[in-house]
PDB file of all heavy atoms in Angstrom:
ATOM      1  N   GLN A   1      18.426   7.011   3.464  1.00  0.00           N
ATOM      2  CA  GLN A   1      18.178   7.323   2.026  1.00  0.00           C
ATOM      3  C   GLN A   1      18.471   6.122   1.118  1.00  0.00           C
ATOM      4  O   GLN A   1      18.563   6.268  -0.086  1.00  0.00           O
ATOM      5  CB  GLN A   1      19.103   8.476   1.579  1.00  0.00           C
ATOM      6  CG  GLN A   1      18.939   9.736   2.464  1.00  0.00           C
ATOM      7  CD  GLN A   1      19.970  10.815   2.075  1.00  0.00           C
ATOM      8  OE1 GLN A   1      20.606  10.759   1.050  1.00  0.00           O
ATOM      9  NE2 GLN A   1      20.080  11.821   2.938  1.00  0.00           N
ATOM     10  N   SER A   2      18.480   4.941   1.661  1.00  0.00           N
ATOM     11  CA  SER A   2      18.864   3.748   0.886  1.00  0.00           C
ATOM     12  C   SER A   2      17.794   3.366  -0.084  1.00  0.00           C
ATOM     13  O   SER A   2      16.608   3.684   0.033  1.00  0.00           O
ATOM     14  CB  SER A   2      19.156   2.599   1.857  1.00  0.00           C
ATOM     15  OG  SER A   2      17.984   2.190   2.541  1.00  0.00           O
ATOM     16  N   ALA A   3      18.189   2.533  -1.080  1.00  0.00           N
ATOM     17  CA  ALA A   3      17.317   2.013  -2.059  1.00  0.00           C
ATOM     18  C   ALA A   3      16.315   1.092  -1.397  1.00  0.00           C
ATOM     19  O   ALA A   3      15.136   0.942  -1.824  1.00  0.00           O
ATOM     20  CB  ALA A   3      18.060   1.336  -3.164  1.00  0.00           C
ATOM     21  N   GLY A   4      16.777   0.376  -0.336  1.00  0.00           N
ATOM     22  CA  GLY A   4      15.882  -0.539   0.407  1.00  0.00           C
ATOM     23  C   GLY A   4      14.720   0.184   0.987  1.00  0.00           C
ATOM     24  O   GLY A   4      13.598  -0.291   1.019  1.00  0.00           O
ATOM     25  N   ARG A   5      14.958   1.368   1.514  1.00  0.00           N
ATOM     26  CA  ARG A   5      13.818   2.166   2.077  1.00  0.00           C
ATOM     27  C   ARG A   5      12.818   2.534   0.999  1.00  0.00           C
ATOM     28  O   ARG A   5      11.621   2.463   1.235  1.00  0.00           O
ATOM     29  CB  ARG A   5      14.375   3.422   2.767  1.00  0.00           C
ATOM     30  CG  ARG A   5      13.238   4.204   3.407  1.00  0.00           C
ATOM     31  CD  ARG A   5      13.692   5.447   4.158  1.00  0.00           C
ATOM     32  NE  ARG A   5      12.586   6.060   4.906  1.00  0.00           N
ATOM     33  CZ  ARG A   5      12.718   7.116   5.677  1.00  0.00           C
ATOM     34  NH1 ARG A   5      13.905   7.703   5.815  1.00  0.00           N
ATOM     35  NH2 ARG A   5      11.659   7.644   6.333  1.00  0.00           N
ATOM     36  N   ILE A   6      13.308   2.948  -0.155  1.00  0.00           N
ATOM     37  CA  ILE A   6      12.388   3.312  -1.256  1.00  0.00           C
ATOM     38  C   ILE A   6      11.531   2.115  -1.666  1.00  0.00           C
ATOM     39  O   ILE A   6      10.362   2.200  -1.909  1.00  0.00           O
ATOM     40  CB  ILE A   6      13.202   3.872  -2.423  1.00  0.00           C
ATOM     41  CG1 ILE A   6      14.008   5.115  -2.033  1.00  0.00           C
ATOM     42  CG2 ILE A   6      12.260   4.212  -3.571  1.00  0.00           C
ATOM     43  CD1 ILE A   6      14.897   5.644  -3.080  1.00  0.00           C
ATOM     44  N   LEU A   7      12.216   0.965  -1.781  1.00  0.00           N
ATOM     45  CA  LEU A   7      11.512  -0.273  -2.151  1.00  0.00           C
ATOM     46  C   LEU A   7      10.436  -0.625  -1.157  1.00  0.00           C
ATOM     47  O   LEU A   7       9.258  -0.854  -1.542  1.00  0.00           O
ATOM     48  CB  LEU A   7      12.531  -1.419  -2.320  1.00  0.00           C
ATOM     49  CG  LEU A   7      11.872  -2.797  -2.522  1.00  0.00           C
ATOM     50  CD1 LEU A   7      11.142  -2.819  -3.848  1.00  0.00           C
ATOM     51  CD2 LEU A   7      12.983  -3.862  -2.487  1.00  0.00           C
ATOM     52  N   PHE A   8      10.767  -0.679   0.106  1.00  0.00           N
ATOM     53  CA  PHE A   8       9.810  -1.019   1.129  1.00  0.00           C
ATOM     54  C   PHE A   8       8.716   0.028   1.313  1.00  0.00           C
ATOM     55  O   PHE A   8       7.572  -0.292   1.581  1.00  0.00           O
ATOM     56  CB  PHE A   8      10.487  -1.276   2.484  1.00  0.00           C
ATOM     57  CG  PHE A   8      11.062  -2.629   2.639  1.00  0.00           C
ATOM     58  CD1 PHE A   8      12.340  -2.959   2.324  1.00  0.00           C
ATOM     59  CD2 PHE A   8      10.221  -3.695   3.070  1.00  0.00           C
ATOM     60  CE1 PHE A   8      12.847  -4.231   2.425  1.00  0.00           C
ATOM     61  CE2 PHE A   8      10.706  -4.960   3.229  1.00  0.00           C
ATOM     62  CZ  PHE A   8      12.050  -5.272   2.911  1.00  0.00           C
ATOM     63  N   LEU A   9       9.092   1.281   1.071  1.00  0.00           N
ATOM     64  CA  LEU A   9       8.072   2.365   1.117  1.00  0.00           C
ATOM     65  C   LEU A   9       7.039   2.151   0.037  1.00  0.00           C
ATOM     66  O   LEU A   9       5.795   2.262   0.265  1.00  0.00           O
ATOM     67  CB  LEU A   9       8.751   3.711   0.958  1.00  0.00           C
ATOM     68  CG  LEU A   9       7.799   4.913   0.966  1.00  0.00           C
ATOM     69  CD1 LEU A   9       7.206   5.157   2.362  1.00  0.00           C
ATOM     70  CD2 LEU A   9       8.546   6.194   0.469  1.00  0.00           C
ATOM     71  N   CYS A  10       7.479   1.828  -1.189  1.00  0.00           N
ATOM     72  CA  CYS A  10       6.564   1.634  -2.328  1.00  0.00           C
ATOM     73  C   CYS A  10       5.681   0.411  -2.089  1.00  0.00           C
ATOM     74  O   CYS A  10       4.506   0.414  -2.369  1.00  0.00           O
ATOM     75  CB  CYS A  10       7.366   1.504  -3.592  1.00  0.00           C
ATOM     76  SG  CYS A  10       8.102   3.059  -4.189  1.00  0.00           S
ATOM     77  N   LEU A  11       6.297  -0.693  -1.588  1.00  0.00           N
ATOM     78  CA  LEU A  11       5.540  -1.893  -1.286  1.00  0.00           C
ATOM     79  C   LEU A  11       4.479  -1.605  -0.225  1.00  0.00           C
ATOM     80  O   LEU A  11       3.333  -2.043  -0.292  1.00  0.00           O
ATOM     81  CB  LEU A  11       6.495  -3.010  -0.802  1.00  0.00           C
ATOM     82  CG  LEU A  11       7.426  -3.602  -1.859  1.00  0.00           C
ATOM     83  CD1 LEU A  11       8.394  -4.599  -1.209  1.00  0.00           C
ATOM     84  CD2 LEU A  11       6.633  -4.272  -2.959  1.00  0.00           C
ATOM     85  N   HIS A  12       4.905  -0.818   0.793  1.00  0.00           N
ATOM     86  CA  HIS A  12       4.009  -0.510   1.903  1.00  0.00           C
ATOM     87  C   HIS A  12       2.847   0.315   1.422  1.00  0.00           C
ATOM     88  O   HIS A  12       1.632  -0.014   1.751  1.00  0.00           O
ATOM     89  CB  HIS A  12       4.804   0.266   2.975  1.00  0.00           C
ATOM     90  CG  HIS A  12       4.109   0.343   4.268  1.00  0.00           C
ATOM     91  ND1 HIS A  12       3.175   1.288   4.567  1.00  0.00           N
ATOM     92  CD2 HIS A  12       4.199  -0.405   5.413  1.00  0.00           C
ATOM     93  CE1 HIS A  12       2.678   1.152   5.773  1.00  0.00           C
ATOM     94  NE2 HIS A  12       3.302   0.114   6.338  1.00  0.00           N
ATOM     95  N   PHE A  13       3.100   1.341   0.585  1.00  0.00           N
ATOM     96  CA  PHE A  13       2.005   2.235   0.160  1.00  0.00           C
ATOM     97  C   PHE A  13       1.130   1.486  -0.872  1.00  0.00           C
ATOM     98  O   PHE A  13      -0.091   1.713  -0.924  1.00  0.00           O
ATOM     99  CB  PHE A  13       2.564   3.516  -0.443  1.00  0.00           C
ATOM    100  CG  PHE A  13       1.495   4.545  -0.658  1.00  0.00           C
ATOM    101  CD1 PHE A  13       0.874   5.174   0.429  1.00  0.00           C
ATOM    102  CD2 PHE A  13       1.074   4.894  -1.950  1.00  0.00           C
ATOM    103  CE1 PHE A  13      -0.109   6.082   0.246  1.00  0.00           C
ATOM    104  CE2 PHE A  13       0.064   5.821  -2.133  1.00  0.00           C
ATOM    105  CZ  PHE A  13      -0.538   6.425  -1.023  1.00  0.00           C
ATOM    106  N   GLY A  14       1.721   0.679  -1.736  1.00  0.00           N
ATOM    107  CA  GLY A  14       0.930  -0.110  -2.699  1.00  0.00           C
ATOM    108  C   GLY A  14       0.008  -1.019  -1.949  1.00  0.00           C
ATOM    109  O   GLY A  14      -1.200  -1.167  -2.335  1.00  0.00           O
ATOM    110  N   ASN A  15       0.521  -1.636  -0.915  1.00  0.00           N
ATOM    111  CA  ASN A  15      -0.385  -2.509  -0.097  1.00  0.00           C
ATOM    112  C   ASN A  15      -1.485  -1.711   0.596  1.00  0.00           C
ATOM    113  O   ASN A  15      -2.644  -2.176   0.689  1.00  0.00           O
ATOM    114  CB  ASN A  15       0.502  -3.234   0.948  1.00  0.00           C
ATOM    115  CG  ASN A  15      -0.240  -4.316   1.699  1.00  0.00           C
ATOM    116  OD1 ASN A  15      -0.283  -5.480   1.280  1.00  0.00           O
ATOM    117  ND2 ASN A  15      -0.847  -3.965   2.815  1.00  0.00           N
ATOM    118  N   THR A  16      -1.166  -0.506   1.000  1.00  0.00           N
ATOM    119  CA  THR A  16      -2.170   0.398   1.565  1.00  0.00           C
ATOM    120  C   THR A  16      -3.313   0.694   0.665  1.00  0.00           C
ATOM    121  O   THR A  16      -4.464   0.652   1.025  1.00  0.00           O
ATOM    122  CB  THR A  16      -1.489   1.694   2.086  1.00  0.00           C
ATOM    123  OG1 THR A  16      -0.571   1.422   3.094  1.00  0.00           O
ATOM    124  CG2 THR A  16      -2.561   2.654   2.637  1.00  0.00           C
ATOM    125  N   LEU A  17      -2.955   0.994  -0.626  1.00  0.00           N
ATOM    126  CA  LEU A  17      -3.964   1.296  -1.596  1.00  0.00           C
ATOM    127  C   LEU A  17      -4.888   0.088  -1.846  1.00  0.00           C
ATOM    128  O   LEU A  17      -6.117   0.231  -1.952  1.00  0.00           O
ATOM    129  CB  LEU A  17      -3.324   1.718  -2.911  1.00  0.00           C
ATOM    130  CG  LEU A  17      -2.627   3.089  -2.917  1.00  0.00           C
ATOM    131  CD1 LEU A  17      -1.914   3.330  -4.247  1.00  0.00           C
ATOM    132  CD2 LEU A  17      -3.585   4.207  -2.517  1.00  0.00           C
ATOM    133  N   LEU A  18      -4.314  -1.081  -1.918  1.00  0.00           N
ATOM    134  CA  LEU A  18      -5.120  -2.311  -2.100  1.00  0.00           C
ATOM    135  C   LEU A  18      -5.979  -2.533  -0.858  1.00  0.00           C
ATOM    136  O   LEU A  18      -7.178  -2.983  -1.005  1.00  0.00           O
ATOM    137  CB  LEU A  18      -4.196  -3.506  -2.299  1.00  0.00           C
ATOM    138  CG  LEU A  18      -3.415  -3.498  -3.619  1.00  0.00           C
ATOM    139  CD1 LEU A  18      -2.423  -4.714  -3.671  1.00  0.00           C
ATOM    140  CD2 LEU A  18      -4.345  -3.547  -4.849  1.00  0.00           C
ATOM    141  N   LEU A  19      -5.473  -2.254   0.322  1.00  0.00           N
ATOM    142  CA  LEU A  19      -6.288  -2.432   1.539  1.00  0.00           C
ATOM    143  C   LEU A  19      -7.485  -1.496   1.526  1.00  0.00           C
ATOM    144  O   LEU A  19      -8.600  -1.907   1.809  1.00  0.00           O
ATOM    145  CB  LEU A  19      -5.389  -2.126   2.770  1.00  0.00           C
ATOM    146  CG  LEU A  19      -6.117  -2.035   4.127  1.00  0.00           C
ATOM    147  CD1 LEU A  19      -6.760  -3.386   4.506  1.00  0.00           C
ATOM    148  CD2 LEU A  19      -5.155  -1.610   5.201  1.00  0.00           C
ATOM    149  N   LEU A  20      -7.220  -0.212   1.191  1.00  0.00           N
ATOM    150  CA  LEU A  20      -8.366   0.713   1.121  1.00  0.00           C
ATOM    151  C   LEU A  20      -9.374   0.329   0.087  1.00  0.00           C
ATOM    152  O   LEU A  20     -10.594   0.499   0.231  1.00  0.00           O
ATOM    153  CB  LEU A  20      -7.820   2.146   0.866  1.00  0.00           C
ATOM    154  CG  LEU A  20      -6.957   2.752   1.941  1.00  0.00           C
ATOM    155  CD1 LEU A  20      -6.511   4.159   1.529  1.00  0.00           C
ATOM    156  CD2 LEU A  20      -7.638   2.796   3.287  1.00  0.00           C
ATOM    157  N   ALA A  21      -8.931  -0.219  -1.017  1.00  0.00           N
ATOM    158  CA  ALA A  21      -9.784  -0.676  -2.117  1.00  0.00           C
ATOM    159  C   ALA A  21     -10.683  -1.805  -1.670  1.00  0.00           C
ATOM    160  O   ALA A  21     -11.924  -1.791  -1.842  1.00  0.00           O
ATOM    161  CB  ALA A  21      -8.963  -1.118  -3.324  1.00  0.00           C
ATOM    162  N   THR A  22     -10.111  -2.810  -0.983  1.00  0.00           N
ATOM    163  CA  THR A  22     -10.939  -3.929  -0.489  1.00  0.00           C
ATOM    164  C   THR A  22     -11.907  -3.544   0.560  1.00  0.00           C
ATOM    165  O   THR A  22     -13.034  -4.000   0.577  1.00  0.00           O
ATOM    166  CB  THR A  22      -9.974  -5.076   0.007  1.00  0.00           C
ATOM    167  OG1 THR A  22      -9.107  -4.563   0.981  1.00  0.00           O
ATOM    168  CG2 THR A  22      -9.191  -5.691  -1.118  1.00  0.00           C
ATOM    169  N   LEU A  23     -11.493  -2.647   1.443  1.00  0.00           N
ATOM    170  CA  LEU A  23     -12.392  -2.184   2.521  1.00  0.00           C
ATOM    171  C   LEU A  23     -13.535  -1.383   1.907  1.00  0.00           C
ATOM    172  O   LEU A  23     -14.710  -1.507   2.369  1.00  0.00           O
ATOM    173  CB  LEU A  23     -11.633  -1.344   3.534  1.00  0.00           C
ATOM    174  CG  LEU A  23     -10.706  -2.127   4.476  1.00  0.00           C
ATOM    175  CD1 LEU A  23      -9.941  -1.119   5.395  1.00  0.00           C
ATOM    176  CD2 LEU A  23     -11.492  -3.111   5.364  1.00  0.00           C
ATOM    177  N   SER A  24     -13.240  -0.501   0.933  1.00  0.00           N
ATOM    178  CA  SER A  24     -14.318   0.292   0.336  1.00  0.00           C
ATOM    179  C   SER A  24     -15.275  -0.561  -0.430  1.00  0.00           C
ATOM    180  O   SER A  24     -16.513  -0.331  -0.375  1.00  0.00           O
ATOM    181  CB  SER A  24     -13.696   1.373  -0.558  1.00  0.00           C
ATOM    182  OG  SER A  24     -12.874   0.794  -1.569  1.00  0.00           O
ATOM    183  N   LEU A  25     -14.756  -1.561  -1.184  1.00  0.00           N
ATOM    184  CA  LEU A  25     -15.677  -2.456  -1.888  1.00  0.00           C
ATOM    185  C   LEU A  25     -16.546  -3.299  -0.946  1.00  0.00           C
ATOM    186  O   LEU A  25     -17.706  -3.443  -1.158  1.00  0.00           O
ATOM    187  CB  LEU A  25     -14.843  -3.394  -2.759  1.00  0.00           C
ATOM    188  CG  LEU A  25     -14.176  -2.768  -4.000  1.00  0.00           C
ATOM    189  CD1 LEU A  25     -13.256  -3.731  -4.679  1.00  0.00           C
ATOM    190  CD2 LEU A  25     -15.231  -2.291  -5.004  1.00  0.00           C
ATOM    191  N   THR A  26     -15.948  -3.725   0.133  1.00  0.00           N
ATOM    192  CA  THR A  26     -16.692  -4.462   1.196  1.00  0.00           C
ATOM    193  C   THR A  26     -17.821  -3.604   1.736  1.00  0.00           C
ATOM    194  O   THR A  26     -18.992  -4.047   1.817  1.00  0.00           O
ATOM    195  CB  THR A  26     -15.759  -4.889   2.349  1.00  0.00           C
ATOM    196  OG1 THR A  26     -14.733  -5.747   1.857  1.00  0.00           O
ATOM    197  CG2 THR A  26     -16.567  -5.595   3.437  1.00  0.00           C
ATOM    198  N   ALA A  27     -17.523  -2.370   2.099  1.00  0.00           N
ATOM    199  CA  ALA A  27     -18.546  -1.500   2.704  1.00  0.00           C
ATOM    200  C   ALA A  27     -19.666  -1.201   1.664  1.00  0.00           C
ATOM    201  O   ALA A  27     -20.857  -1.209   1.998  1.00  0.00           O
ATOM    202  CB  ALA A  27     -17.887  -0.209   3.182  1.00  0.00           C
ATOM    203  N   ASN A  28     -19.249  -1.005   0.446  1.00  0.00           N
ATOM    204  CA  ASN A  28     -20.249  -0.693  -0.623  1.00  0.00           C
ATOM    205  C   ASN A  28     -21.101  -1.885  -0.923  1.00  0.00           C
ATOM    206  O   ASN A  28     -22.358  -1.712  -1.056  1.00  0.00           O
ATOM    207  CB  ASN A  28     -19.551  -0.212  -1.875  1.00  0.00           C
ATOM    208  CG  ASN A  28     -20.455   0.312  -2.917  1.00  0.00           C
ATOM    209  OD1 ASN A  28     -21.248   1.276  -2.735  1.00  0.00           O
ATOM    210  ND2 ASN A  28     -20.492  -0.384  -4.070  1.00  0.00           N
TER     211      ASN A  28
END
């Protein structure tokens, strides 16, 4: 339940959204 986990979780999911954005733009 550490603050470190929350930080890395947010960084991880933010990176995921950017990844999906670049892949969708590429495909389109």
